[in-house]
Amino acid sequence: MPSLLYAGVSKLVRNSDRQWPALLGLHATPAVIIIVLMIFWREAIDIALTSIDFIYAAAILWLLRSGADGLRLAPFDGAVPVYRAILLAAVTLCLSGVVDMLVSFDLASGDGARAATLIGIGNLFMLVIIGVAAAAASQSHVPLNAADPTDAQSPPDAGEDADMIARVNELMQEKKLYRDANLNLNRLARRAGIPARQISAAINRATARNVSQYVNGYRVSEACRLLTETDQSVTEIMLAVGFQTKPNFNREFRRVTDMTPLAWRQRNAQSLSLANAVGR
């Protein structure tokens, strides 16, 4: 489980230059270690299992050190839920390591009476967390053309930040790029011709938001206009502005406006009616 989880997360974070045999060899290493220990040194299995869980949890957290923007291949529509789900999965690995430690101590004490209970409770919690994580992560997929401009480290510069944000704003306002439901950080970087890491850093410094919140802000802004000026259903508007699921749409709409889409429409409909009445 730890190696499969790490492989899935790394697929959303970056493209790997390794071919599949090398990846298979890398991620099969933990299983091979346990098999070897079962044959030659069974006493070390508990320590190995615990270490593997904690090492992979730390590796996953390292991949996500830049927050939701680190999921470059996850569509902005669901980047934040996926990020949170992966954090839960990393917590699950830590929980697995703790359960292994407790079971090991219980067995070492001589009776092992609590081992079955510990394993059962631990597995129950882990299955629930993994289920939630898998459900959220399944909303994201990796596009086939996922290559992005090469990242380059450079010191922060206010002028460069302004130029990069102006380029991104142009794509949003004139090209309506946010309407692409599969838009992610890599795609945005390719269209802007700017390395993904530099876009993320510039937007974060200038707006104190991550890129997914920045892009979703444009989507919500157009949704507000459509809710006010058209009779389209909420679902039609949600799809038109680039969202794919109602939970994500409602969550982002509330974050920006502090109300639901229906409440927004009702409030603005009343305002328009009042304005028309005054105009007459």
C-alpha atoms as a PDB file:
ATOM      1  CA  MET A   1       0.000   0.000   0.000  1.00  0.00           C
ATOM      2  CA  PRO A   2       2.666   2.648   0.827  1.00  0.00           C
ATOM      3  CA  SER A   3       4.505   2.241  -2.462  1.00  0.00           C
ATOM      4  CA  LEU A   4       1.312   2.229  -4.540  1.00  0.00           C
ATOM      5  CA  LEU A   5       0.084   5.357  -2.776  1.00  0.00           C
ATOM      6  CA  TYR A   6       3.373   7.143  -3.356  1.00  0.00           C
ATOM      7  CA  ALA A   7       3.368   6.128  -7.031  1.00  0.00           C
ATOM      8  CA  GLY A   8      -0.125   7.548  -7.481  1.00  0.00           C
ATOM      9  CA  VAL A   9       0.705  10.829  -5.774  1.00  0.00           C
ATOM     10  CA  SER A  10       3.929  11.272  -7.723  1.00  0.00           C
ATOM     11  CA  LYS A  11       1.956  10.817 -10.947  1.00  0.00           C
ATOM     12  CA  LEU A  12      -0.162  13.858 -10.074  1.00  0.00           C
ATOM     13  CA  VAL A  13       2.811  15.874  -8.881  1.00  0.00           C
ATOM     14  CA  ARG A  14       5.260  15.402 -11.719  1.00  0.00           C
ATOM     15  CA  ASN A  15       6.197  13.384 -14.748  1.00  0.00           C
ATOM     16  CA  SER A  16       8.776  10.699 -14.137  1.00  0.00           C
ATOM     17  CA  ASP A  17      11.605  10.145 -16.572  1.00  0.00           C
ATOM     18  CA  ARG A  18      11.995   6.583 -15.349  1.00  0.00           C
ATOM     19  CA  GLN A  19      10.659   3.768 -17.533  1.00  0.00           C
ATOM     20  CA  TRP A  20       8.146   1.342 -16.066  1.00  0.00           C
ATOM     21  CA  PRO A  21      10.691  -1.440 -15.295  1.00  0.00           C
ATOM     22  CA  ALA A  22      12.697   0.991 -13.151  1.00  0.00           C
ATOM     23  CA  LEU A  23       9.533   2.225 -11.433  1.00  0.00           C
ATOM     24  CA  LEU A  24       8.364  -1.330 -10.820  1.00  0.00           C
ATOM     25  CA  GLY A  25      11.728  -2.207  -9.300  1.00  0.00           C
ATOM     26  CA  LEU A  26      11.689   0.889  -7.105  1.00  0.00           C
ATOM     27  CA  HIS A  27       8.182   0.432  -5.737  1.00  0.00           C
ATOM     28  CA  ALA A  28       8.523  -3.338  -5.349  1.00  0.00           C
ATOM     29  CA  THR A  29      11.515  -2.887  -3.044  1.00  0.00           C
ATOM     30  CA  PRO A  30       9.485  -2.761   0.221  1.00  0.00           C
ATOM     31  CA  ALA A  31       7.705  -6.024  -0.618  1.00  0.00           C
ATOM     32  CA  VAL A  32      11.016  -7.663  -1.499  1.00  0.00           C
ATOM     33  CA  ILE A  33      12.545  -6.495   1.786  1.00  0.00           C
ATOM     34  CA  ILE A  34       9.687  -8.027   3.777  1.00  0.00           C
ATOM     35  CA  ILE A  35       9.923 -11.331   1.851  1.00  0.00           C
ATOM     36  CA  VAL A  36      13.662 -11.528   2.491  1.00  0.00           C
ATOM     37  CA  LEU A  37      13.150 -10.806   6.191  1.00  0.00           C
ATOM     38  CA  MET A  38      10.453 -13.499   6.408  1.00  0.00           C
ATOM     39  CA  ILE A  39      13.013 -16.008   5.176  1.00  0.00           C
ATOM     40  CA  PHE A  40      16.153 -14.877   6.960  1.00  0.00           C
ATOM     41  CA  TRP A  41      15.303 -12.534   9.857  1.00  0.00           C
ATOM     42  CA  ARG A  42      11.704 -12.678  11.002  1.00  0.00           C
ATOM     43  CA  GLU A  43      12.383 -10.699  14.178  1.00  0.00           C
ATOM     44  CA  ALA A  44      13.065  -7.567  12.104  1.00  0.00           C
ATOM     45  CA  ILE A  45       9.785  -7.639  10.170  1.00  0.00           C
ATOM     46  CA  ASP A  46       7.898  -5.426  12.621  1.00  0.00           C
ATOM     47  CA  ILE A  47      10.598  -2.759  12.549  1.00  0.00           C
ATOM     48  CA  ALA A  48      10.734  -2.911   8.745  1.00  0.00           C
ATOM     49  CA  LEU A  49       6.957  -2.537   8.327  1.00  0.00           C
ATOM     50  CA  THR A  50       6.827   0.427  10.668  1.00  0.00           C
ATOM     51  CA  SER A  51       9.806   2.077   8.997  1.00  0.00           C
ATOM     52  CA  ILE A  52       8.323   1.621   5.518  1.00  0.00           C
ATOM     53  CA  ASP A  53       5.058   3.268   6.552  1.00  0.00           C
ATOM     54  CA  PHE A  54       6.741   6.287   8.113  1.00  0.00           C
ATOM     55  CA  ILE A  55       9.284   6.685   5.299  1.00  0.00           C
ATOM     56  CA  TYR A  56       6.617   6.680   2.590  1.00  0.00           C
ATOM     57  CA  ALA A  57       4.389   9.044   4.605  1.00  0.00           C
ATOM     58  CA  ALA A  58       7.301  11.472   4.893  1.00  0.00           C
ATOM     59  CA  ALA A  59       8.055  11.111   1.158  1.00  0.00           C
ATOM     60  CA  ILE A  60       4.434  11.906   0.253  1.00  0.00           C
ATOM     61  CA  LEU A  61       4.389  14.957   2.513  1.00  0.00           C
ATOM     62  CA  TRP A  62       7.624  16.101   0.874  1.00  0.00           C
ATOM     63  CA  LEU A  63       6.003  15.834  -2.567  1.00  0.00           C
ATOM     64  CA  LEU A  64       3.153  18.035  -1.313  1.00  0.00           C
ATOM     65  CA  ARG A  65       5.373  20.586   0.415  1.00  0.00           C
ATOM     66  CA  SER A  66       4.135  23.363  -1.927  1.00  0.00           C
ATOM     67  CA  GLY A  67       0.479  22.702  -1.110  1.00  0.00           C
ATOM     68  CA  ALA A  68      -2.331  22.099  -3.590  1.00  0.00           C
ATOM     69  CA  ASP A  69      -0.286  23.790  -6.333  1.00  0.00           C
ATOM     70  CA  GLY A  70       2.107  20.852  -6.116  1.00  0.00           C
ATOM     71  CA  LEU A  71      -0.540  18.697  -7.823  1.00  0.00           C
ATOM     72  CA  ARG A  72       0.356  20.038 -11.229  1.00  0.00           C
ATOM     73  CA  LEU A  73      -1.583  17.409 -13.150  1.00  0.00           C
ATOM     74  CA  ALA A  74      -4.770  17.589 -11.073  1.00  0.00           C
ATOM     75  CA  PRO A  75      -7.507  19.797 -12.604  1.00  0.00           C
ATOM     76  CA  PHE A  76      -8.046  23.025 -10.655  1.00  0.00           C
ATOM     77  CA  ASP A  77     -11.685  22.014 -10.193  1.00  0.00           C
ATOM     78  CA  GLY A  78     -10.720  19.344  -7.657  1.00  0.00           C
ATOM     79  CA  ALA A  79      -7.115  20.098  -6.709  1.00  0.00           C
ATOM     80  CA  VAL A  80      -7.895  21.165  -3.134  1.00  0.00           C
ATOM     81  CA  PRO A  81     -10.079  18.102  -2.270  1.00  0.00           C
ATOM     82  CA  VAL A  82      -7.487  15.798  -3.800  1.00  0.00           C
ATOM     83  CA  TYR A  83      -4.720  17.506  -1.823  1.00  0.00           C
ATOM     84  CA  ARG A  84      -6.657  17.014   1.409  1.00  0.00           C
ATOM     85  CA  ALA A  85      -7.420  13.400   0.513  1.00  0.00           C
ATOM     86  CA  ILE A  86      -3.744  12.687  -0.067  1.00  0.00           C
ATOM     87  CA  LEU A  87      -2.897  14.247   3.292  1.00  0.00           C
ATOM     88  CA  LEU A  88      -5.436  11.864   4.852  1.00  0.00           C
ATOM     89  CA  ALA A  89      -3.760   8.990   3.057  1.00  0.00           C
ATOM     90  CA  ALA A  90      -0.384  10.037   4.473  1.00  0.00           C
ATOM     91  CA  VAL A  91      -1.982  10.135   7.928  1.00  0.00           C
ATOM     92  CA  THR A  92      -3.229   6.618   7.246  1.00  0.00           C
ATOM     93  CA  LEU A  93       0.309   5.412   6.642  1.00  0.00           C
ATOM     94  CA  CYS A  94       1.383   6.947   9.936  1.00  0.00           C
ATOM     95  CA  LEU A  95      -1.575   5.258  11.655  1.00  0.00           C
ATOM     96  CA  SER A  96      -0.556   1.962  10.102  1.00  0.00           C
ATOM     97  CA  GLY A  97       2.948   2.410  11.476  1.00  0.00           C
ATOM     98  CA  VAL A  98       1.600   3.196  14.941  1.00  0.00           C
ATOM     99  CA  VAL A  99      -0.660   0.109  14.868  1.00  0.00           C
ATOM    100  CA  ASP A 100       2.296  -2.064  13.863  1.00  0.00           C
ATOM    101  CA  MET A 101       4.309  -0.648  16.759  1.00  0.00           C
ATOM    102  CA  LEU A 102       1.517  -1.263  19.276  1.00  0.00           C
ATOM    103  CA  VAL A 103       0.952  -4.815  18.049  1.00  0.00           C
ATOM    104  CA  SER A 104       4.681  -5.481  18.228  1.00  0.00           C
ATOM    105  CA  PHE A 105       4.853  -4.213  21.808  1.00  0.00           C
ATOM    106  CA  ASP A 106       1.788  -6.245  22.768  1.00  0.00           C
ATOM    107  CA  LEU A 107       3.286  -9.426  21.353  1.00  0.00           C
ATOM    108  CA  ALA A 108       6.628  -8.669  22.988  1.00  0.00           C
ATOM    109  CA  SER A 109       4.903  -8.408  26.355  1.00  0.00           C
ATOM    110  CA  GLY A 110       4.161 -12.103  26.138  1.00  0.00           C
ATOM    111  CA  ASP A 111       0.409 -12.577  25.759  1.00  0.00           C
ATOM    112  CA  GLY A 112      -0.657 -10.647  22.619  1.00  0.00           C
ATOM    113  CA  ALA A 113      -4.217 -10.472  23.963  1.00  0.00           C
ATOM    114  CA  ARG A 114      -4.863  -7.014  22.499  1.00  0.00           C
ATOM    115  CA  ALA A 115      -3.230  -7.624  19.117  1.00  0.00           C
ATOM    116  CA  ALA A 116      -6.393  -8.700  17.278  1.00  0.00           C
ATOM    117  CA  THR A 117      -8.370  -5.742  18.653  1.00  0.00           C
ATOM    118  CA  LEU A 118      -5.644  -3.276  17.719  1.00  0.00           C
ATOM    119  CA  ILE A 119      -5.398  -4.654  14.196  1.00  0.00           C
ATOM    120  CA  GLY A 120      -9.156  -4.617  13.710  1.00  0.00           C
ATOM    121  CA  ILE A 121      -9.638  -1.052  14.915  1.00  0.00           C
ATOM    122  CA  GLY A 122      -6.607   0.177  12.988  1.00  0.00           C
ATOM    123  CA  ASN A 123      -7.726  -1.477   9.747  1.00  0.00           C
ATOM    124  CA  LEU A 124     -11.224  -0.040  10.125  1.00  0.00           C
ATOM    125  CA  PHE A 125      -9.913   3.504  10.403  1.00  0.00           C
ATOM    126  CA  MET A 126      -7.451   2.977   7.566  1.00  0.00           C
ATOM    127  CA  LEU A 127     -10.085   1.570   5.216  1.00  0.00           C
ATOM    128  CA  VAL A 128     -12.374   4.528   5.856  1.00  0.00           C
ATOM    129  CA  ILE A 129      -9.596   7.081   5.267  1.00  0.00           C
ATOM    130  CA  ILE A 130      -8.280   5.289   2.168  1.00  0.00           C
ATOM    131  CA  GLY A 131     -11.830   5.094   0.790  1.00  0.00           C
ATOM    132  CA  VAL A 132     -12.311   8.839   1.189  1.00  0.00           C
ATOM    133  CA  ALA A 133      -8.903   9.533  -0.330  1.00  0.00           C
ATOM    134  CA  ALA A 134      -9.504   7.237  -3.305  1.00  0.00           C
ATOM    135  CA  ALA A 135     -12.940   8.744  -3.985  1.00  0.00           C
ATOM    136  CA  ALA A 136     -11.514  12.265  -4.094  1.00  0.00           C
ATOM    137  CA  ALA A 137      -8.396  11.339  -6.059  1.00  0.00           C
ATOM    138  CA  SER A 138     -10.463   9.499  -8.661  1.00  0.00           C
ATOM    139  CA  GLN A 139     -11.916  12.842  -9.742  1.00  0.00           C
ATOM    140  CA  SER A 140      -8.524  13.777 -11.169  1.00  0.00           C
ATOM    141  CA  HIS A 141      -6.798  12.234 -14.118  1.00  0.00           C
ATOM    142  CA  VAL A 142      -3.521  12.852 -15.858  1.00  0.00           C
ATOM    143  CA  PRO A 143      -3.854  14.269 -19.393  1.00  0.00           C
ATOM    144  CA  LEU A 144      -1.818  12.567 -22.076  1.00  0.00           C
ATOM    145  CA  ASN A 145       0.009  15.737 -23.073  1.00  0.00           C
ATOM    146  CA  ALA A 146       1.229  16.563 -19.600  1.00  0.00           C
ATOM    147  CA  ALA A 147       4.650  18.005 -20.315  1.00  0.00           C
ATOM    148  CA  ASP A 148       5.312  21.496 -18.998  1.00  0.00           C
ATOM    149  CA  PRO A 149       8.004  24.147 -19.420  1.00  0.00           C
ATOM    150  CA  THR A 150      11.189  23.427 -17.524  1.00  0.00           C
ATOM    151  CA  ASP A 151      11.167  24.855 -14.021  1.00  0.00           C
ATOM    152  CA  ALA A 152      13.854  27.374 -13.257  1.00  0.00           C
ATOM    153  CA  GLN A 153      14.796  28.764  -9.895  1.00  0.00           C
ATOM    154  CA  SER A 154      15.035  32.559  -9.786  1.00  0.00           C
ATOM    155  CA  PRO A 155      14.845  35.130  -6.990  1.00  0.00           C
ATOM    156  CA  PRO A 156      11.486  36.871  -6.488  1.00  0.00           C
ATOM    157  CA  ASP A 157      11.082  40.092  -8.479  1.00  0.00           C
ATOM    158  CA  ALA A 158       8.000  42.323  -8.266  1.00  0.00           C
ATOM    159  CA  GLY A 159       8.240  43.318 -11.921  1.00  0.00           C
ATOM    160  CA  GLU A 160       8.520  39.745 -13.114  1.00  0.00           C
ATOM    161  CA  ASP A 161       5.621  38.734 -10.872  1.00  0.00           C
ATOM    162  CA  ALA A 162       3.469  41.480 -12.380  1.00  0.00           C
ATOM    163  CA  ASP A 163       4.374  40.410 -15.922  1.00  0.00           C
ATOM    164  CA  MET A 164       3.562  36.763 -15.211  1.00  0.00           C
ATOM    165  CA  ILE A 165       0.245  37.593 -13.571  1.00  0.00           C
ATOM    166  CA  ALA A 166      -0.637  39.921 -16.441  1.00  0.00           C
ATOM    167  CA  ARG A 167       0.018  37.067 -18.882  1.00  0.00           C
ATOM    168  CA  VAL A 168      -2.171  34.703 -16.861  1.00  0.00           C
ATOM    169  CA  ASN A 169      -4.906  37.352 -16.565  1.00  0.00           C
ATOM    170  CA  GLU A 170      -4.836  37.784 -20.327  1.00  0.00           C
ATOM    171  CA  LEU A 171      -5.405  34.064 -20.814  1.00  0.00           C
ATOM    172  CA  MET A 172      -8.260  34.120 -18.317  1.00  0.00           C
ATOM    173  CA  GLN A 173     -10.004  37.293 -19.478  1.00  0.00           C
ATOM    174  CA  GLU A 174      -9.494  37.123 -23.253  1.00  0.00           C
ATOM    175  CA  LYS A 175      -9.095  33.398 -23.927  1.00  0.00           C
ATOM    176  CA  LYS A 176     -11.482  32.315 -21.134  1.00  0.00           C
ATOM    177  CA  LEU A 177      -9.025  29.541 -20.345  1.00  0.00           C
ATOM    178  CA  TYR A 178     -10.737  28.846 -17.024  1.00  0.00           C
ATOM    179  CA  ARG A 179     -13.652  27.293 -18.941  1.00  0.00           C
ATOM    180  CA  ASP A 180     -11.435  24.281 -19.657  1.00  0.00           C
ATOM    181  CA  ALA A 181     -12.677  21.761 -17.075  1.00  0.00           C
ATOM    182  CA  ASN A 182      -9.383  19.857 -17.269  1.00  0.00           C
ATOM    183  CA  LEU A 183      -7.190  22.914 -16.788  1.00  0.00           C
ATOM    184  CA  ASN A 184      -4.313  22.236 -14.427  1.00  0.00           C
ATOM    185  CA  LEU A 185      -1.067  23.948 -13.500  1.00  0.00           C
ATOM    186  CA  ASN A 186       0.931  22.222 -16.241  1.00  0.00           C
ATOM    187  CA  ARG A 187      -1.554  23.190 -18.944  1.00  0.00           C
ATOM    188  CA  LEU A 188      -1.651  26.757 -17.698  1.00  0.00           C
ATOM    189  CA  ALA A 189       2.146  26.868 -17.695  1.00  0.00           C
ATOM    190  CA  ARG A 190       2.304  25.639 -21.284  1.00  0.00           C
ATOM    191  CA  ARG A 191      -0.247  28.172 -22.508  1.00  0.00           C
ATOM    192  CA  ALA A 192       1.462  31.023 -20.672  1.00  0.00           C
ATOM    193  CA  GLY A 193       4.960  29.869 -21.630  1.00  0.00           C
ATOM    194  CA  ILE A 194       6.037  30.255 -18.008  1.00  0.00           C
ATOM    195  CA  PRO A 195       7.381  27.496 -15.720  1.00  0.00           C
ATOM    196  CA  ALA A 196       4.690  26.119 -13.424  1.00  0.00           C
ATOM    197  CA  ARG A 197       6.645  26.803 -10.249  1.00  0.00           C
ATOM    198  CA  GLN A 198       7.130  30.459 -11.171  1.00  0.00           C
ATOM    199  CA  ILE A 199       3.405  30.942 -11.879  1.00  0.00           C
ATOM    200  CA  SER A 200       2.516  29.337  -8.565  1.00  0.00           C
ATOM    201  CA  ALA A 201       5.008  31.449  -6.618  1.00  0.00           C
ATOM    202  CA  ALA A 202       4.004  34.718  -8.316  1.00  0.00           C
ATOM    203  CA  ILE A 203       0.281  34.221  -7.712  1.00  0.00           C
ATOM    204  CA  ASN A 204       0.882  33.178  -4.125  1.00  0.00           C
ATOM    205  CA  ARG A 205       3.034  36.228  -3.407  1.00  0.00           C
ATOM    206  CA  ALA A 206       0.677  38.682  -5.123  1.00  0.00           C
ATOM    207  CA  THR A 207      -2.703  37.346  -3.999  1.00  0.00           C
ATOM    208  CA  ALA A 208      -2.003  35.094  -0.977  1.00  0.00           C
ATOM    209  CA  ARG A 209      -3.942  32.356  -2.798  1.00  0.00           C
ATOM    210  CA  ASN A 210      -2.918  29.178  -4.565  1.00  0.00           C
ATOM    211  CA  VAL A 211      -3.398  28.845  -8.312  1.00  0.00           C
ATOM    212  CA  SER A 212      -6.505  26.659  -8.080  1.00  0.00           C
ATOM    213  CA  GLN A 213      -8.242  29.295  -5.905  1.00  0.00           C
ATOM    214  CA  TYR A 214      -7.101  32.010  -8.318  1.00  0.00           C
ATOM    215  CA  VAL A 215      -8.516  30.229 -11.380  1.00  0.00           C
ATOM    216  CA  ASN A 216     -11.684  29.185  -9.578  1.00  0.00           C
ATOM    217  CA  GLY A 217     -12.189  32.841  -8.681  1.00  0.00           C
ATOM    218  CA  TYR A 218     -12.608  33.609 -12.393  1.00  0.00           C
ATOM    219  CA  ARG A 219     -15.021  30.698 -12.719  1.00  0.00           C
ATOM    220  CA  VAL A 220     -17.133  31.898  -9.813  1.00  0.00           C
ATOM    221  CA  SER A 221     -17.116  35.455 -11.163  1.00  0.00           C
ATOM    222  CA  GLU A 222     -18.571  34.323 -14.486  1.00  0.00           C
ATOM    223  CA  ALA A 223     -21.008  32.026 -12.675  1.00  0.00           C
ATOM    224  CA  CYS A 224     -22.275  35.042 -10.729  1.00  0.00           C
ATOM    225  CA  ARG A 225     -22.825  36.935 -13.973  1.00  0.00           C
ATOM    226  CA  LEU A 226     -24.670  34.021 -15.585  1.00  0.00           C
ATOM    227  CA  LEU A 227     -26.811  33.481 -12.499  1.00  0.00           C
ATOM    228  CA  THR A 228     -27.827  37.134 -12.626  1.00  0.00           C
ATOM    229  CA  GLU A 229     -28.238  37.677 -16.380  1.00  0.00           C
ATOM    230  CA  THR A 230     -29.538  34.320 -17.669  1.00  0.00           C
ATOM    231  CA  ASP A 231     -32.141  31.688 -16.870  1.00  0.00           C
ATOM    232  CA  GLN A 232     -29.698  28.801 -17.211  1.00  0.00           C
ATOM    233  CA  SER A 233     -29.861  26.154 -14.512  1.00  0.00           C
ATOM    234  CA  VAL A 234     -27.173  26.037 -11.851  1.00  0.00           C
ATOM    235  CA  THR A 235     -25.867  22.784 -13.338  1.00  0.00           C
ATOM    236  CA  GLU A 236     -25.600  24.290 -16.823  1.00  0.00           C
ATOM    237  CA  ILE A 237     -23.741  27.298 -15.435  1.00  0.00           C
ATOM    238  CA  MET A 238     -21.470  25.069 -13.354  1.00  0.00           C
ATOM    239  CA  LEU A 239     -20.401  23.142 -16.461  1.00  0.00           C
ATOM    240  CA  ALA A 240     -20.138  26.267 -18.626  1.00  0.00           C
ATOM    241  CA  VAL A 241     -17.626  27.971 -16.331  1.00  0.00           C
ATOM    242  CA  GLY A 242     -15.355  24.940 -15.953  1.00  0.00           C
ATOM    243  CA  PHE A 243     -16.496  23.014 -12.884  1.00  0.00           C
ATOM    244  CA  GLN A 244     -17.206  19.307 -13.151  1.00  0.00           C
ATOM    245  CA  THR A 245     -18.928  18.472  -9.855  1.00  0.00           C
ATOM    246  CA  LYS A 246     -21.528  20.286  -7.760  1.00  0.00           C
ATOM    247  CA  PRO A 247     -19.697  19.788  -4.437  1.00  0.00           C
ATOM    248  CA  ASN A 248     -16.594  21.520  -5.808  1.00  0.00           C
ATOM    249  CA  PHE A 249     -18.676  24.265  -7.422  1.00  0.00           C
ATOM    250  CA  ASN A 250     -20.678  24.928  -4.263  1.00  0.00           C
ATOM    251  CA  ARG A 251     -17.560  24.882  -2.096  1.00  0.00           C
ATOM    252  CA  GLU A 252     -15.708  27.415  -4.244  1.00  0.00           C
ATOM    253  CA  PHE A 253     -18.812  29.584  -4.714  1.00  0.00           C
ATOM    254  CA  ARG A 254     -19.274  29.775  -0.951  1.00  0.00           C
ATOM    255  CA  ARG A 255     -15.580  30.566  -0.461  1.00  0.00           C
ATOM    256  CA  VAL A 256     -15.780  33.544  -2.811  1.00  0.00           C
ATOM    257  CA  THR A 257     -19.295  34.885  -2.139  1.00  0.00           C
ATOM    258  CA  ASP A 258     -20.234  33.480   1.299  1.00  0.00           C
ATOM    259  CA  MET A 259     -23.499  32.154  -0.130  1.00  0.00           C
ATOM    260  CA  THR A 260     -24.861  29.373  -2.308  1.00  0.00           C
ATOM    261  CA  PRO A 261     -25.481  29.825  -6.052  1.00  0.00           C
ATOM    262  CA  LEU A 262     -29.273  29.700  -5.528  1.00  0.00           C
ATOM    263  CA  ALA A 263     -29.083  32.299  -2.762  1.00  0.00           C
ATOM    264  CA  TRP A 264     -27.004  34.523  -5.037  1.00  0.00           C
ATOM    265  CA  ARG A 265     -29.558  34.223  -7.849  1.00  0.00           C
ATOM    266  CA  GLN A 266     -32.494  34.942  -5.541  1.00  0.00           C
ATOM    267  CA  ARG A 267     -30.817  37.978  -3.976  1.00  0.00           C
ATOM    268  CA  ASN A 268     -29.862  39.486  -7.318  1.00  0.00           C
ATOM    269  CA  ALA A 269     -33.264  38.712  -8.825  1.00  0.00           C
ATOM    270  CA  GLN A 270     -34.859  40.715  -6.024  1.00  0.00           C
ATOM    271  CA  SER A 271     -32.381  43.558  -6.585  1.00  0.00           C
ATOM    272  CA  LEU A 272     -33.181  43.625 -10.320  1.00  0.00           C
ATOM    273  CA  SER A 273     -36.915  43.619  -9.647  1.00  0.00           C
ATOM    274  CA  LEU A 274     -36.533  46.517  -7.230  1.00  0.00           C
ATOM    275  CA  ALA A 275     -34.372  48.444  -9.704  1.00  0.00           C
ATOM    276  CA  ASN A 276     -36.923  47.917 -12.491  1.00  0.00           C
ATOM    277  CA  ALA A 277     -39.731  49.050 -10.217  1.00  0.00           C
ATOM    278  CA  VAL A 278     -37.824  52.215  -9.315  1.00  0.00           C
ATOM    279  CA  GLY A 279     -37.046  52.817 -12.985  1.00  0.00           C
ATOM    280  CA  ARG A 280     -40.714  52.808 -13.871  1.00  0.00           C
END
